[in-house]
Amino acid sequence: MSYEAIAILMFSTMLLMMVTGQRVFGVIGFVAVGAALLLWGTGAEAMGFSSTIKLMRWYPLLTLPMFVFMGYVMSESRLADDLYRMFHVWFGPVPGGLAIGTILLMVLISAMNGLSVAGMAIGSTIALPELLRRGYDKRMVTGVIQAGSSLGILIPPSVVLVLYAMIARQPVGQLWLAGVVPGLMMAALFIVYIVLRGWFQPSLTPPISAEERATITRSEKLRLLGAGVLPFAIFFCMMVPFITGHTSLVESSVIGAMTTVIAAVIKRRFTWAVFQTSTRQTLFISCMFMWIILAALSFGAVFDGLGAVRAIEGFFVGQLHLSPWTILIMMQLSFLLMGTFLDDTAMLVIVAPLYVPLVAKLDLGIENPLIWYGVLYTITCQIAYLTPPFGYNLFLMRAFAPPEITIIDIYKSILPFVLVMILALALLIMFPAIALWLPETVYIK
């Protein structure tokens, strides 16, 4: 049997086992070890063991539990309440102002936790009832919260980019910096859409009434402005020392977690229940990610040993005569297709052994193609989070939404935002410097 046929058999076996409902890491690890034993016999199982050692020696992995813990403390202690109230008071008089404030809230939450689910939880419990009470269209509201919460996997500290960094063997710090400008660009595009939609259909995004504005005193505005500074302070305490080179990535993650806990203590919201829930969820998510990374590394080692990447590159470039950019676009389209029935982690570990080395070999004329492609992959994951029928955020929103918001409303609400995200993806493909400028500037020698 040819190596190409073996590679196809490995992929088809993996997908077939996933259809049966088995856990992602179990399926990938089983196929990797089974293929290694069948191909190279006794002793080939050491590939999985060597991957374990590689994972345990990867120092930046320590950032994962720190940022997950940070996100859950933020969510469980409701540190974002005052921040949303600040946006409500300052942006409420503007048509669509509360929706704009919700997007800005999601940007700040993303910059402090790296998880989409934390932003969804905070947005659904704080912003959703308030926006509905203010007369906002229910489809506009659910679309804003779902799209805004997806920024958590792009704006640093992104947990998804940590996973990609391990599999692609790229520096986490550079990947995080590469996600900053695209993340802010996407948030700006969301705001532009909200403003334009509110301009043409004012009934969808009404401003707060003049009577309510009259009840908000200047001292109240200034107090809320001060309260809203706290999340900014957490972010700057964490990121500024890292960017200036005074702390390592892991040290910055510890600073971020400690600062969040201190902020919750100062607010008198760091209870035993908050600590217990945050630590339990941190342990669960960290272990899940580590198992998945371990399985992906084992699968990638077998795939590299087969030489399947070189064979596939020769097929696309040598036999089909496709240009590197055509191949790249086909890869992104396949991600969008897989995103309709797989989550971001499953997509990455299934195709990373093929796509990541292929991107490195394609002649794209880009200095750091794997850093740039990490951002492309993450944006595609954002789109996958929101695409029916099985988008992750769609089901989270259904769980948080009141009964009057149906699943059909949720599906329809997200379509305009998906189009905005596809526009952002196209801009990043056409202008790679959007992602690469900041890491190249910070890491310049």
Protein backbone atom coordinates (compact mmCIF):
# COMPACT_ATOMS: atom_id res chain seq x y z
CA MET A 1 0.00 0.00 0.00
CA SER A 2 1.35 3.45 -0.92
CA TYR A 3 2.02 6.08 1.71
CA GLU A 4 -0.68 8.28 0.17
CA ALA A 5 -3.22 5.49 0.60
CA ILE A 6 -2.12 4.96 4.21
CA ALA A 7 -2.57 8.66 4.94
CA ILE A 8 -6.07 8.62 3.42
CA LEU A 9 -6.91 5.49 5.44
CA MET A 10 -5.74 7.19 8.65
CA PHE A 11 -7.92 10.24 8.01
CA SER A 12 -10.99 8.22 7.02
CA THR A 13 -10.63 5.95 10.07
CA MET A 14 -10.34 8.97 12.34
CA LEU A 15 -13.44 10.66 10.88
CA LEU A 16 -15.44 7.43 11.03
CA MET A 17 -14.60 6.94 14.70
CA MET A 18 -15.57 10.54 15.46
CA VAL A 19 -18.99 9.94 13.93
CA THR A 20 -19.54 7.25 16.58
CA GLY A 21 -19.25 9.91 19.28
CA GLN A 22 -15.85 8.97 20.73
CA ARG A 23 -13.73 11.63 22.41
CA VAL A 24 -11.52 13.62 20.02
CA PHE A 25 -8.21 12.96 21.80
CA GLY A 26 -8.99 9.24 22.16
CA VAL A 27 -9.76 8.85 18.46
CA ILE A 28 -6.68 10.74 17.26
CA GLY A 29 -4.34 9.03 19.71
CA PHE A 30 -5.70 5.56 18.89
CA VAL A 31 -5.31 6.07 15.14
CA ALA A 32 -1.78 7.48 15.60
CA VAL A 33 -0.49 4.65 17.81
CA GLY A 34 -2.32 1.96 15.82
CA ALA A 35 -0.90 3.21 12.51
CA ALA A 36 2.61 3.43 14.01
CA LEU A 37 2.47 -0.18 15.24
CA LEU A 38 1.13 -1.47 11.92
CA LEU A 39 3.72 0.45 9.90
CA TRP A 40 6.88 0.01 11.98
CA GLY A 41 6.12 -2.74 14.46
CA THR A 42 7.14 -3.06 18.11
CA GLY A 43 8.78 0.04 19.49
CA ALA A 44 6.82 2.45 17.31
CA GLU A 45 4.58 3.27 20.28
CA ALA A 46 7.53 5.28 21.60
CA MET A 47 6.38 8.05 19.24
CA GLY A 48 3.54 8.75 21.64
CA PHE A 49 5.90 8.66 24.62
CA SER A 50 8.33 11.10 22.99
CA SER A 51 5.38 13.42 22.28
CA THR A 52 4.48 13.30 25.97
CA ILE A 53 7.99 14.32 26.98
CA LYS A 54 7.95 17.10 24.38
CA LEU A 55 4.65 18.38 25.75
CA MET A 56 5.80 18.32 29.38
CA ARG A 57 8.98 20.22 28.51
CA TRP A 58 7.11 22.98 26.64
CA TYR A 59 7.43 25.81 29.15
CA PRO A 60 4.82 28.19 27.61
CA LEU A 61 2.14 25.57 28.27
CA LEU A 62 2.07 26.88 31.85
CA THR A 63 0.24 29.93 30.51
CA LEU A 64 -2.80 27.80 29.68
CA PRO A 65 -4.11 27.16 33.23
CA MET A 66 -3.22 30.71 34.26
CA PHE A 67 -5.35 32.34 31.58
CA VAL A 68 -8.19 29.85 31.93
CA PHE A 69 -8.28 30.53 35.69
CA MET A 70 -8.16 34.26 35.03
CA GLY A 71 -11.15 34.04 32.68
CA TYR A 72 -13.27 32.06 35.09
CA VAL A 73 -12.51 34.39 38.01
CA MET A 74 -13.59 37.30 35.79
CA SER A 75 -16.79 35.52 34.85
CA GLU A 76 -17.74 34.05 38.24
CA SER A 77 -16.96 37.18 40.28
CA ARG A 78 -18.83 39.37 37.76
CA LEU A 79 -16.03 41.93 37.53
CA ALA A 80 -17.46 43.06 34.20
CA ASP A 81 -20.70 44.42 35.69
CA ASP A 82 -19.35 47.92 36.36
CA LEU A 83 -17.60 47.94 33.00
CA TYR A 84 -20.84 47.29 31.15
CA ARG A 85 -22.63 49.89 33.25
CA MET A 86 -19.91 52.37 32.22
CA PHE A 87 -20.47 51.61 28.52
CA HIS A 88 -24.22 51.86 29.10
CA VAL A 89 -23.96 55.35 30.58
CA TRP A 90 -21.39 56.74 28.15
CA PHE A 91 -22.60 55.17 24.89
CA GLY A 92 -26.32 54.79 25.65
CA PRO A 93 -27.39 58.17 24.20
CA VAL A 94 -25.94 57.19 20.80
CA PRO A 95 -28.16 55.14 18.42
CA GLY A 96 -26.82 51.61 18.68
CA GLY A 97 -24.63 52.78 21.56
CA LEU A 98 -25.45 49.88 23.88
CA ALA A 99 -24.62 47.37 21.15
CA ILE A 100 -21.35 49.22 20.47
CA GLY A 101 -20.62 49.17 24.20
CA THR A 102 -21.28 45.42 24.24
CA ILE A 103 -18.69 44.87 21.49
CA LEU A 104 -16.16 47.00 23.40
CA LEU A 105 -16.96 45.01 26.55
CA MET A 106 -16.26 41.78 24.67
CA VAL A 107 -12.93 43.17 23.42
CA LEU A 108 -11.81 43.92 26.97
CA ILE A 109 -13.03 40.57 28.29
CA SER A 110 -11.17 38.86 25.45
CA ALA A 111 -8.02 40.75 26.42
CA MET A 112 -8.27 39.31 29.92
CA ASN A 113 -9.26 35.67 29.54
CA GLY A 114 -8.71 34.19 26.06
CA LEU A 115 -11.92 32.15 26.08
CA SER A 116 -15.04 32.55 23.96
CA VAL A 117 -17.26 30.91 26.57
CA ALA A 118 -16.37 33.51 29.23
CA GLY A 119 -17.39 36.38 26.95
CA MET A 120 -20.61 34.57 26.04
CA ALA A 121 -21.48 33.99 29.69
CA ILE A 122 -20.84 37.60 30.68
CA GLY A 123 -22.57 39.06 27.63
CA SER A 124 -25.63 36.82 28.01
CA THR A 125 -26.10 37.49 31.72
CA ILE A 126 -25.31 41.22 31.73
CA ALA A 127 -25.92 42.67 28.26
CA LEU A 128 -28.69 40.45 26.86
CA PRO A 129 -31.47 41.28 29.37
CA GLU A 130 -30.51 44.97 29.40
CA LEU A 131 -30.55 45.31 25.60
CA LEU A 132 -33.89 43.51 25.32
CA ARG A 133 -35.38 45.71 28.04
CA ARG A 134 -34.20 48.80 26.13
CA GLY A 135 -36.17 47.76 23.03
CA TYR A 136 -33.31 46.41 20.92
CA ASP A 137 -34.25 43.94 18.22
CA LYS A 138 -33.78 40.41 19.57
CA ARG A 139 -31.90 39.22 16.48
CA MET A 140 -29.55 42.19 16.59
CA VAL A 141 -28.88 41.54 20.28
CA THR A 142 -28.10 37.84 19.95
CA GLY A 143 -25.92 38.47 16.89
CA VAL A 144 -23.90 41.15 18.69
CA ILE A 145 -23.24 38.96 21.74
CA GLN A 146 -22.31 35.86 19.74
CA ALA A 147 -20.01 37.74 17.36
CA GLY A 148 -18.42 39.76 20.15
CA SER A 149 -17.73 36.74 22.33
CA SER A 150 -15.95 34.99 19.45
CA LEU A 151 -13.21 37.65 19.71
CA GLY A 152 -11.95 35.81 22.79
CA ILE A 153 -10.11 33.23 20.68
CA LEU A 154 -8.29 35.86 18.59
CA ILE A 155 -7.35 38.76 20.88
CA PRO A 156 -4.52 37.80 23.26
CA PRO A 157 -4.26 35.95 25.56
CA SER A 158 -5.95 33.47 23.20
CA VAL A 159 -6.04 29.89 24.42
CA VAL A 160 -6.66 28.64 20.87
CA LEU A 161 -3.44 30.31 19.68
CA VAL A 162 -1.57 28.56 22.52
CA LEU A 163 -2.84 25.23 21.16
CA TYR A 164 -1.86 26.19 17.61
CA ALA A 165 1.59 27.31 18.81
CA MET A 166 2.27 23.92 20.35
CA ILE A 167 1.20 21.95 17.28
CA ALA A 168 2.89 24.32 14.77
CA ARG A 169 5.97 24.79 17.00
CA GLN A 170 5.71 28.59 16.84
CA PRO A 171 6.34 31.24 19.55
CA VAL A 172 3.16 31.99 21.51
CA GLY A 173 4.19 35.60 22.05
CA GLN A 174 4.47 36.31 18.33
CA LEU A 175 1.12 34.61 17.65
CA TRP A 176 -0.58 36.68 20.32
CA LEU A 177 0.85 39.92 18.94
CA ALA A 178 -0.22 38.84 15.45
CA GLY A 179 -3.80 38.53 16.69
CA VAL A 180 -4.02 42.04 18.17
CA VAL A 181 -4.54 44.16 15.03
CA PRO A 182 -6.84 41.65 13.24
CA GLY A 183 -8.91 41.32 16.43
CA LEU A 184 -9.31 45.09 16.80
CA MET A 185 -10.02 45.38 13.07
CA MET A 186 -12.79 42.82 13.33
CA ALA A 187 -14.29 44.58 16.35
CA ALA A 188 -14.20 47.86 14.39
CA LEU A 189 -15.97 46.19 11.45
CA PHE A 190 -18.67 44.91 13.83
CA ILE A 191 -19.15 48.45 15.16
CA VAL A 192 -19.35 49.89 11.63
CA TYR A 193 -22.05 47.35 10.78
CA ILE A 194 -24.02 48.22 13.94
CA VAL A 195 -23.80 51.95 13.17
CA LEU A 196 -24.88 51.51 9.54
CA ARG A 197 -27.71 49.16 10.46
CA GLY A 198 -28.91 51.55 13.16
CA TRP A 199 -28.70 54.47 10.72
CA PHE A 200 -30.99 52.80 8.19
CA GLN A 201 -33.23 51.02 10.72
CA PRO A 202 -33.30 53.14 13.91
CA SER A 203 -35.99 50.98 15.50
CA LEU A 204 -33.52 48.10 15.83
CA THR A 205 -31.05 49.99 18.05
CA PRO A 206 -32.85 52.79 19.99
CA PRO A 207 -30.81 55.10 22.26
CA ILE A 208 -31.72 55.51 25.92
CA SER A 209 -34.46 58.04 26.54
CA ALA A 210 -33.90 61.70 27.37
CA GLU A 211 -35.65 61.19 30.71
CA GLU A 212 -33.19 58.49 31.74
CA ARG A 213 -30.22 60.53 30.56
CA ALA A 214 -31.38 63.36 32.79
CA THR A 215 -31.25 61.09 35.85
CA ILE A 216 -27.58 60.21 35.30
CA THR A 217 -25.46 62.78 37.10
CA ARG A 218 -21.94 63.81 36.14
CA SER A 219 -20.58 62.35 39.38
CA GLU A 220 -22.18 59.00 38.52
CA LYS A 221 -20.54 59.08 35.08
CA LEU A 222 -17.15 59.82 36.59
CA ARG A 223 -17.58 57.10 39.25
CA LEU A 224 -18.41 54.51 36.61
CA LEU A 225 -15.50 55.69 34.49
CA GLY A 226 -13.23 55.01 37.43
CA ALA A 227 -14.80 51.59 38.04
CA GLY A 228 -14.32 50.70 34.39
CA VAL A 229 -10.60 51.38 34.66
CA LEU A 230 -10.11 48.21 36.73
CA PRO A 231 -10.23 45.74 33.79
CA PHE A 232 -7.87 48.02 31.85
CA ALA A 233 -5.48 47.94 34.80
CA ILE A 234 -5.54 44.12 34.84
CA PHE A 235 -4.69 43.99 31.16
CA PHE A 236 -1.86 46.52 31.37
CA CYS A 237 -0.36 44.93 34.48
CA MET A 238 -0.21 41.68 32.55
CA MET A 239 0.83 42.70 29.04
CA VAL A 240 3.04 45.79 29.40
CA PRO A 241 5.89 44.00 31.25
CA PHE A 242 5.80 41.23 28.65
CA ILE A 243 5.90 43.58 25.65
CA THR A 244 8.70 45.64 27.18
CA GLY A 245 10.71 42.49 27.87
CA HIS A 246 10.72 42.68 31.67
CA THR A 247 8.80 39.42 32.12
CA SER A 248 8.47 36.18 30.22
CA LEU A 249 5.19 34.94 28.81
CA VAL A 250 4.62 32.58 31.74
CA GLU A 251 5.45 35.26 34.30
CA SER A 252 2.97 37.64 32.65
CA SER A 253 0.25 35.00 32.81
CA VAL A 254 0.86 34.60 36.56
CA ILE A 255 0.71 38.38 36.99
CA GLY A 256 -2.61 38.43 35.11
CA ALA A 257 -4.13 35.68 37.28
CA MET A 258 -2.90 37.28 40.52
CA THR A 259 -4.11 40.74 39.50
CA THR A 260 -7.56 39.38 38.65
CA VAL A 261 -7.82 37.66 42.03
CA ILE A 262 -6.68 40.84 43.82
CA ALA A 263 -9.29 42.86 41.89
CA ALA A 264 -12.02 40.38 42.88
CA VAL A 265 -10.89 40.56 46.53
CA ILE A 266 -10.93 44.36 46.47
CA LYS A 267 -14.48 44.22 45.06
CA ARG A 268 -15.36 41.68 47.81
CA ARG A 269 -16.50 39.17 45.21
CA PHE A 270 -13.82 36.50 45.58
CA THR A 271 -15.86 33.98 47.56
CA TRP A 272 -15.14 30.32 48.24
CA ALA A 273 -17.72 29.38 45.57
CA VAL A 274 -15.93 31.55 42.99
CA PHE A 275 -12.56 29.99 43.87
CA GLN A 276 -13.93 26.44 43.81
CA THR A 277 -15.72 26.82 40.47
CA SER A 278 -12.77 28.59 38.84
CA THR A 279 -10.19 26.00 39.93
CA ARG A 280 -12.38 23.04 38.99
CA GLN A 281 -13.10 24.41 35.52
CA THR A 282 -9.44 25.35 35.05
CA LEU A 283 -8.36 21.79 35.84
CA PHE A 284 -10.98 20.33 33.50
CA ILE A 285 -10.14 22.56 30.50
CA SER A 286 -6.36 22.36 31.01
CA CYS A 287 -6.40 18.55 31.12
CA MET A 288 -8.65 18.41 28.06
CA PHE A 289 -6.30 20.63 26.07
CA MET A 290 -3.22 18.68 27.14
CA TRP A 291 -4.72 15.37 26.06
CA ILE A 292 -5.70 16.85 22.72
CA ILE A 293 -2.24 18.36 22.13
CA LEU A 294 -0.60 15.04 23.06
CA ALA A 295 -2.80 13.13 20.60
CA ALA A 296 -2.17 15.70 17.84
CA LEU A 297 1.60 15.52 18.33
CA SER A 298 1.53 11.73 18.11
CA PHE A 299 -0.58 11.84 14.97
CA GLY A 300 1.71 14.45 13.44
CA ALA A 301 4.81 12.35 14.15
CA VAL A 302 3.33 9.38 12.27
CA PHE A 303 2.19 11.62 9.44
CA ASP A 304 5.65 13.17 9.12
CA GLY A 305 7.19 9.72 9.08
CA LEU A 306 4.99 8.73 6.15
CA GLY A 307 6.13 11.70 4.09
CA ALA A 308 2.47 12.38 3.33
CA VAL A 309 2.91 16.15 3.33
CA ARG A 310 5.49 16.01 0.54
CA ALA A 311 3.25 13.67 -1.44
CA ILE A 312 0.22 15.95 -1.10
CA GLU A 313 2.27 19.03 -1.96
CA GLY A 314 3.52 17.26 -5.09
CA PHE A 315 -0.04 16.29 -6.03
CA PHE A 316 -1.44 19.83 -5.76
CA VAL A 317 1.54 21.72 -7.19
CA GLY A 318 3.12 19.18 -9.51
CA GLN A 319 0.12 17.31 -10.90
CA LEU A 320 -2.80 19.74 -10.60
CA HIS A 321 -0.53 22.78 -11.17
CA LEU A 322 -2.39 24.87 -8.59
CA SER A 323 -0.84 28.10 -7.39
CA PRO A 324 0.12 28.38 -3.69
CA TRP A 325 -2.60 30.98 -3.08
CA THR A 326 -5.26 28.76 -4.67
CA ILE A 327 -4.21 25.91 -2.39
CA LEU A 328 -4.38 28.25 0.63
CA ILE A 329 -7.90 29.41 -0.25
CA MET A 330 -9.01 25.78 -0.71
CA MET A 331 -7.64 25.01 2.74
CA GLN A 332 -9.63 27.85 4.30
CA LEU A 333 -12.80 26.76 2.49
CA SER A 334 -12.33 23.26 3.90
CA PHE A 335 -12.06 24.78 7.39
CA LEU A 336 -15.33 26.65 6.86
CA LEU A 337 -16.99 23.43 5.74
CA MET A 338 -15.66 21.44 8.70
CA GLY A 339 -16.73 24.22 11.03
CA THR A 340 -20.38 23.43 10.36
CA PHE A 341 -20.03 20.15 12.29
CA LEU A 342 -16.72 20.27 14.24
CA ASP A 343 -15.36 22.57 16.95
CA ASP A 344 -12.11 24.53 16.62
CA THR A 345 -9.97 22.05 18.54
CA ALA A 346 -11.13 19.06 16.52
CA MET A 347 -10.52 20.95 13.27
CA LEU A 348 -6.99 21.86 14.26
CA VAL A 349 -5.86 18.45 15.42
CA ILE A 350 -7.44 16.69 12.42
CA VAL A 351 -5.80 18.79 9.72
CA ALA A 352 -2.77 20.32 11.46
CA PRO A 353 -0.44 17.45 10.51
CA LEU A 354 -1.29 18.20 6.88
CA TYR A 355 -1.98 21.93 6.67
CA VAL A 356 0.73 23.38 8.91
CA PRO A 357 3.71 21.75 7.13
CA LEU A 358 2.05 22.44 3.77
CA VAL A 359 1.78 26.18 4.53
CA ALA A 360 5.46 26.20 5.50
CA LYS A 361 6.40 24.64 2.14
CA LEU A 362 4.17 26.78 -0.10
CA ASP A 363 5.93 29.69 -1.77
CA LEU A 364 3.62 32.47 -0.54
CA GLY A 365 6.28 35.18 -0.37
CA ILE A 366 5.56 35.80 3.33
CA GLU A 367 8.38 36.01 5.85
CA ASN A 368 6.55 34.28 8.73
CA PRO A 369 3.85 32.17 7.04
CA LEU A 370 3.04 29.99 10.06
CA ILE A 371 2.49 33.02 12.32
CA TRP A 372 0.21 34.58 9.72
CA TYR A 373 -1.59 31.29 9.09
CA GLY A 374 -2.25 30.89 12.81
CA VAL A 375 -4.32 34.08 12.70
CA LEU A 376 -6.09 32.90 9.53
CA TYR A 377 -6.93 29.61 11.22
CA THR A 378 -8.24 31.39 14.33
CA ILE A 379 -10.52 33.70 12.33
CA THR A 380 -11.84 30.67 10.48
CA CYS A 381 -12.54 29.09 13.88
CA GLN A 382 -14.47 32.22 14.85
CA ILE A 383 -16.62 31.79 11.76
CA ALA A 384 -17.03 28.09 12.55
CA TYR A 385 -18.24 29.01 16.05
CA LEU A 386 -21.13 30.88 14.43
CA THR A 387 -22.10 28.83 11.38
CA PRO A 388 -25.23 26.64 11.48
CA PRO A 389 -26.16 23.95 12.08
CA PHE A 390 -23.61 23.07 14.80
CA GLY A 391 -21.83 26.31 15.65
CA TYR A 392 -20.62 26.22 19.26
CA ASN A 393 -21.76 29.75 20.12
CA LEU A 394 -25.20 29.11 18.64
CA PHE A 395 -25.94 26.46 21.24
CA LEU A 396 -24.42 28.51 24.05
CA MET A 397 -26.67 31.40 23.11
CA ARG A 398 -29.70 29.10 23.05
CA ALA A 399 -28.85 27.95 26.56
CA PHE A 400 -28.58 31.55 27.87
CA ALA A 401 -31.39 33.18 25.86
CA PRO A 402 -34.95 33.65 27.16
CA PRO A 403 -37.75 31.46 25.70
CA GLU A 404 -38.97 34.16 23.29
CA ILE A 405 -35.70 33.91 21.33
CA THR A 406 -35.92 30.77 19.19
CA ILE A 407 -33.12 28.82 17.56
CA ILE A 408 -34.29 30.21 14.20
CA ASP A 409 -33.83 33.74 15.54
CA ILE A 410 -30.32 32.83 16.67
CA TYR A 411 -29.43 31.32 13.28
CA LYS A 412 -30.70 34.37 11.39
CA SER A 413 -29.09 36.85 13.78
CA ILE A 414 -25.58 35.69 13.05
CA LEU A 415 -25.56 35.77 9.24
CA PRO A 416 -24.57 39.47 8.84
CA PHE A 417 -21.75 39.06 11.35
CA VAL A 418 -20.47 35.95 9.58
CA LEU A 419 -20.26 38.01 6.37
CA VAL A 420 -18.29 40.69 8.24
CA MET A 421 -15.88 38.03 9.52
CA ILE A 422 -15.41 36.63 6.01
CA LEU A 423 -14.58 40.18 4.89
CA ALA A 424 -11.96 40.39 7.68
CA LEU A 425 -10.53 37.03 6.59
CA ALA A 426 -10.29 38.22 2.98
CA LEU A 427 -8.53 41.42 4.05
CA LEU A 428 -6.00 39.42 6.05
CA ILE A 429 -5.30 37.14 3.09
CA MET A 430 -4.82 40.11 0.77
CA PHE A 431 -2.77 42.12 3.27
CA PRO A 432 -0.70 39.79 5.51
CA ALA A 433 0.99 42.81 7.12
CA ILE A 434 -2.20 43.37 9.14
CA ALA A 435 -1.18 40.40 11.26
CA LEU A 436 2.60 40.47 10.87
CA TRP A 437 3.37 44.14 11.45
CA LEU A 438 3.11 44.11 15.26
CA PRO A 439 5.14 40.93 15.99
CA GLU A 440 7.80 42.01 13.50
CA THR A 441 7.97 45.43 15.17
CA VAL A 442 8.14 44.12 18.74
CA TYR A 443 10.54 41.27 17.98
CA ILE A 444 12.80 43.26 15.66
CA LYS A 445 16.45 42.56 16.34
